[in-house]
Amino acid sequence: QVQLVESGGGLVQAGGSLRLSCVASGSIFTINAMGWYRQAPGNQRELVATSTSGGSTNYADSVKGRFTISRDNAKNTVYLQMNSLKPEDTGVYYCNADVTTWSARRHDGYWGQGTQVTVSS
């Protein structure tokens, strides 16, 4: 139906930068909101940043001023530019998309498999 594939994670020292990408594919009629979430071991998954098709964005307080979310609607892709990374940013980052499909004729949320981000001190 719909697949989300993240890329760009890795190991970086504190103060460094990473750029995550997420590409959606499948039976997509339209993509509404897209966003990034993260989860550290033993913790709940938390929202990092979201972006609507209209261009509005929202960020968690912990990443404001450091992370930037952007979209390329023509390519069904969302990015997360992460600067000034801190050890507490470590976790698995998941892409989420609210998608309306041709088959279901409704919108549902979909998740990627996640990409690991590790920030060393």
Protein backbone atom coordinates (compact mmCIF):
# COMPACT_ATOMS: atom_id res chain seq x y z
CA GLN A 1 0.00 0.00 0.00
CA VAL A 2 2.24 2.80 1.30
CA GLN A 3 5.87 2.53 2.28
CA LEU A 4 8.08 5.06 4.03
CA VAL A 5 11.85 4.70 3.89
CA GLU A 6 14.14 6.78 6.09
CA SER A 7 17.82 7.41 5.51
CA GLY A 8 20.61 9.62 6.77
CA GLY A 9 21.06 8.40 10.32
CA GLY A 10 24.42 7.59 11.81
CA LEU A 11 26.98 8.34 14.49
CA VAL A 12 28.00 11.94 15.06
CA GLN A 13 29.80 13.87 17.78
CA ALA A 14 28.02 16.46 19.89
CA GLY A 15 27.71 19.72 18.01
CA GLY A 16 27.62 18.00 14.64
CA SER A 17 24.88 17.79 12.04
CA LEU A 18 22.86 15.16 10.21
CA ARG A 19 20.22 15.36 7.52
CA LEU A 20 17.47 12.74 7.52
CA SER A 21 15.32 11.93 4.50
CA CYS A 22 12.05 10.06 4.19
CA VAL A 23 10.54 9.00 0.87
CA ALA A 24 6.95 7.81 0.62
CA SER A 25 5.86 5.47 -2.16
CA GLY A 26 2.90 3.29 -3.08
CA SER A 27 -0.74 3.87 -3.89
CA ILE A 28 -0.70 7.51 -2.88
CA PHE A 29 -3.46 9.88 -3.85
CA THR A 30 -2.22 12.70 -1.68
CA ILE A 31 -0.05 13.22 1.38
CA ASN A 32 -1.34 15.56 4.02
CA ALA A 33 0.91 15.98 7.04
CA MET A 34 4.38 14.46 7.35
CA GLY A 35 6.53 14.40 10.43
CA TRP A 36 9.43 13.02 12.40
CA TYR A 37 9.29 11.20 15.72
CA ARG A 38 12.02 9.67 17.84
CA GLN A 39 12.30 7.01 20.50
CA ALA A 40 15.11 6.30 22.93
CA PRO A 41 15.47 2.80 24.48
CA GLY A 42 12.83 2.28 27.15
CA ASN A 43 11.07 5.54 26.35
CA GLN A 44 7.88 6.47 24.56
CA ARG A 45 7.96 7.67 21.00
CA GLU A 46 7.84 11.46 20.93
CA LEU A 47 7.09 14.05 18.29
CA VAL A 48 10.07 15.96 16.92
CA ALA A 49 8.66 18.02 14.05
CA THR A 50 5.69 18.06 11.69
CA SER A 51 4.89 19.72 8.38
CA THR A 52 1.56 20.11 6.61
CA SER A 53 1.05 20.17 2.86
CA GLY A 54 0.32 23.88 3.21
CA GLY A 55 3.77 24.53 4.61
CA SER A 56 3.08 25.09 8.29
CA THR A 57 5.56 23.51 10.70
CA ASN A 58 5.65 22.56 14.35
CA TYR A 59 8.61 21.60 16.55
CA ALA A 60 9.15 20.09 19.93
CA ASP A 61 10.53 22.64 22.37
CA SER A 62 13.70 20.61 22.81
CA VAL A 63 14.70 20.97 19.14
CA LYS A 64 13.52 24.49 18.30
CA GLY A 65 16.28 26.54 16.75
CA ARG A 66 18.37 23.45 15.99
CA PHE A 67 16.21 21.26 13.73
CA THR A 68 14.46 22.21 10.50
CA ILE A 69 11.79 20.17 8.74
CA SER A 70 11.13 20.64 5.03
CA ARG A 71 9.18 18.93 2.27
CA ASP A 72 9.34 18.28 -1.44
CA ASN A 73 5.73 17.48 -2.24
CA ALA A 74 6.47 16.57 -5.85
CA LYS A 75 8.84 13.84 -4.64
CA ASN A 76 6.76 12.74 -1.63
CA THR A 77 9.78 13.43 0.53
CA VAL A 78 10.31 15.04 3.91
CA TYR A 79 13.66 16.07 5.38
CA LEU A 80 14.93 16.81 8.85
CA GLN A 81 18.05 18.94 9.10
CA MET A 82 19.56 18.47 12.55
CA ASN A 83 22.22 20.91 13.73
CA SER A 84 24.01 21.37 17.05
CA LEU A 85 23.23 17.80 18.00
CA LYS A 86 23.29 16.79 21.64
CA PRO A 87 23.68 13.35 23.26
CA GLU A 88 20.05 13.54 24.37
CA ASP A 89 19.04 13.60 20.70
CA THR A 90 20.13 9.97 20.45
CA GLY A 91 17.40 7.55 19.42
CA VAL A 92 15.61 5.91 16.54
CA TYR A 93 14.00 8.50 14.30
CA TYR A 94 10.77 7.51 12.57
CA CYS A 95 9.05 9.13 9.65
CA ASN A 96 5.27 9.46 9.72
CA ALA A 97 2.88 10.45 6.95
CA ASP A 98 -0.85 11.01 6.80
CA VAL A 99 -1.75 9.56 3.40
CA THR A 100 -4.92 9.31 1.35
CA THR A 101 -4.69 6.23 -0.91
CA TRP A 102 -6.54 5.37 -4.09
CA SER A 103 -7.66 2.00 -2.74
CA ALA A 104 -8.93 2.99 0.70
CA ARG A 105 -10.35 6.37 -0.30
CA ARG A 106 -9.53 7.64 3.15
CA HIS A 107 -6.49 9.01 4.96
CA ASP A 108 -4.42 6.93 7.36
CA GLY A 109 -1.15 7.27 9.21
CA TYR A 110 1.89 5.29 8.09
CA TRP A 111 5.27 4.72 9.73
CA GLY A 112 8.73 4.03 8.42
CA GLN A 113 11.07 1.47 9.96
CA GLY A 114 13.24 4.12 11.55
CA THR A 115 16.86 5.21 11.30
CA GLN A 116 19.31 5.24 14.20
CA VAL A 117 20.86 8.52 15.30
CA THR A 118 23.63 8.34 17.88
CA VAL A 119 25.26 11.47 19.27
CA SER A 120 28.42 10.95 21.29
CA SER A 121 29.73 13.38 23.89
